[in-house]
Protein backbone atom coordinates (compact mmCIF):
# COMPACT_ATOMS: atom_id res chain seq x y z
CA MET A 1 90.99 -21.53 262.26
CA GLU A 2 91.62 -23.59 259.11
CA ARG A 3 90.40 -22.48 256.24
CA PRO A 4 88.37 -25.66 254.39
CA ILE A 5 90.16 -27.45 251.69
CA GLU A 6 88.65 -26.67 248.56
CA HIS A 7 87.27 -28.82 245.98
CA ALA A 8 89.77 -28.30 243.14
CA ASP A 9 92.12 -28.54 245.89
CA LEU A 10 91.66 -32.43 247.06
CA HIS A 11 91.41 -33.12 243.02
CA ARG A 12 94.47 -31.76 242.54
CA ARG A 13 95.96 -33.42 245.85
CA LEU A 14 94.30 -36.59 244.92
CA ALA A 15 95.59 -36.78 241.43
CA GLU A 16 99.10 -36.29 242.69
CA ILE A 17 98.48 -38.86 245.34
CA GLU A 18 97.17 -41.68 242.38
CA ALA A 19 100.42 -40.60 240.27
CA LYS A 20 102.84 -40.90 242.87
CA ILE A 21 100.66 -44.34 243.40
CA SER A 22 101.21 -45.09 240.47
CA GLY A 23 104.67 -44.59 239.81
CA VAL A 24 105.84 -46.54 243.51
CA GLN A 25 103.43 -49.82 241.46
CA GLN A 26 105.53 -49.17 238.75
CA GLN A 27 108.93 -49.73 240.56
CA ILE A 28 107.62 -52.18 242.40
CA ALA A 29 107.05 -54.24 238.99
CA GLU A 30 110.25 -53.41 237.95
CA GLN A 31 111.87 -54.19 241.00
CA ARG A 32 110.33 -57.66 241.42
CA ASP A 33 112.61 -58.21 237.97
CA VAL A 34 115.59 -57.24 239.04
CA ILE A 35 114.79 -60.15 241.96
CA VAL A 36 114.37 -62.25 239.24
CA LYS A 37 116.47 -62.01 237.15
CA LEU A 38 119.20 -62.09 240.32
CA GLU A 39 117.66 -65.27 241.82
CA SER A 40 117.96 -66.93 237.97
CA ALA A 41 121.83 -65.74 237.18
CA GLY A 42 122.09 -67.44 241.07
CA GLN A 43 123.79 -64.24 242.45
CA ALA A 44 122.46 -62.79 246.05
CA ALA A 45 119.01 -60.22 245.81
CA GLU A 46 118.86 -59.76 249.52
CA HIS A 47 119.88 -55.74 248.87
CA ALA A 48 117.60 -56.12 246.16
CA LYS A 49 114.29 -57.46 248.03
CA TYR A 50 114.98 -55.22 250.75
CA LEU A 51 114.76 -52.18 248.04
CA LEU A 52 111.75 -54.09 247.49
CA ALA A 53 110.55 -54.30 250.98
CA GLY A 54 110.78 -50.29 250.95
CA LEU A 55 109.28 -49.62 247.91
CA GLU A 56 106.10 -51.99 249.74
CA LEU A 57 105.93 -49.89 252.43
CA LEU A 58 106.26 -46.38 250.38
CA HIS A 59 102.72 -47.87 248.64
CA ALA A 60 100.86 -48.70 251.19
CA VAL A 61 101.56 -44.70 252.66
CA HIS A 62 100.39 -43.39 249.39
CA ARG A 63 97.54 -46.15 249.65
CA ASP A 64 96.75 -44.71 253.17
CA ASN A 65 97.20 -41.12 251.94
CA ARG A 66 94.39 -41.61 249.44
CA THR A 67 92.29 -43.45 251.92
CA ALA A 68 93.08 -40.24 254.35
CA MET A 69 92.30 -37.60 251.32
CA LEU A 70 89.21 -39.68 250.49
CA ALA A 71 87.36 -39.47 254.08
CA GLU A 72 88.40 -35.57 253.57
CA PHE A 73 86.52 -34.81 250.47
CA ALA A 74 83.34 -37.19 251.92
CA VAL A 75 83.06 -34.40 254.59
CA SER A 76 84.42 -31.11 252.45
CA PRO A 77 81.83 -28.36 253.45
CA SER A 78 82.51 -27.47 249.43
CA THR A 79 80.73 -31.42 248.42
CA THR A 80 78.69 -31.20 251.06
CA GLU A 81 76.82 -28.12 249.42
CA LYS A 82 76.59 -29.08 246.45
CA SER A 83 74.37 -32.05 247.40
């Protein structure tokens, strides 16, 4: 039988996911700047766009993980016992 996840563990994991989301958002912004610069200079940006698409997928995965974590947090026994 699985042990229930502690309240502190959920908070720590949620903070880790939030940090990942924030980091990828920064990478996405930087990659968009790279694309603008490449296109402004008349250079090919296909590879940069491919990388951007990958970053956007990773961002979506992290957001989905956060949603799942929040759902888990909502039904955690340690959170319902204190209500």
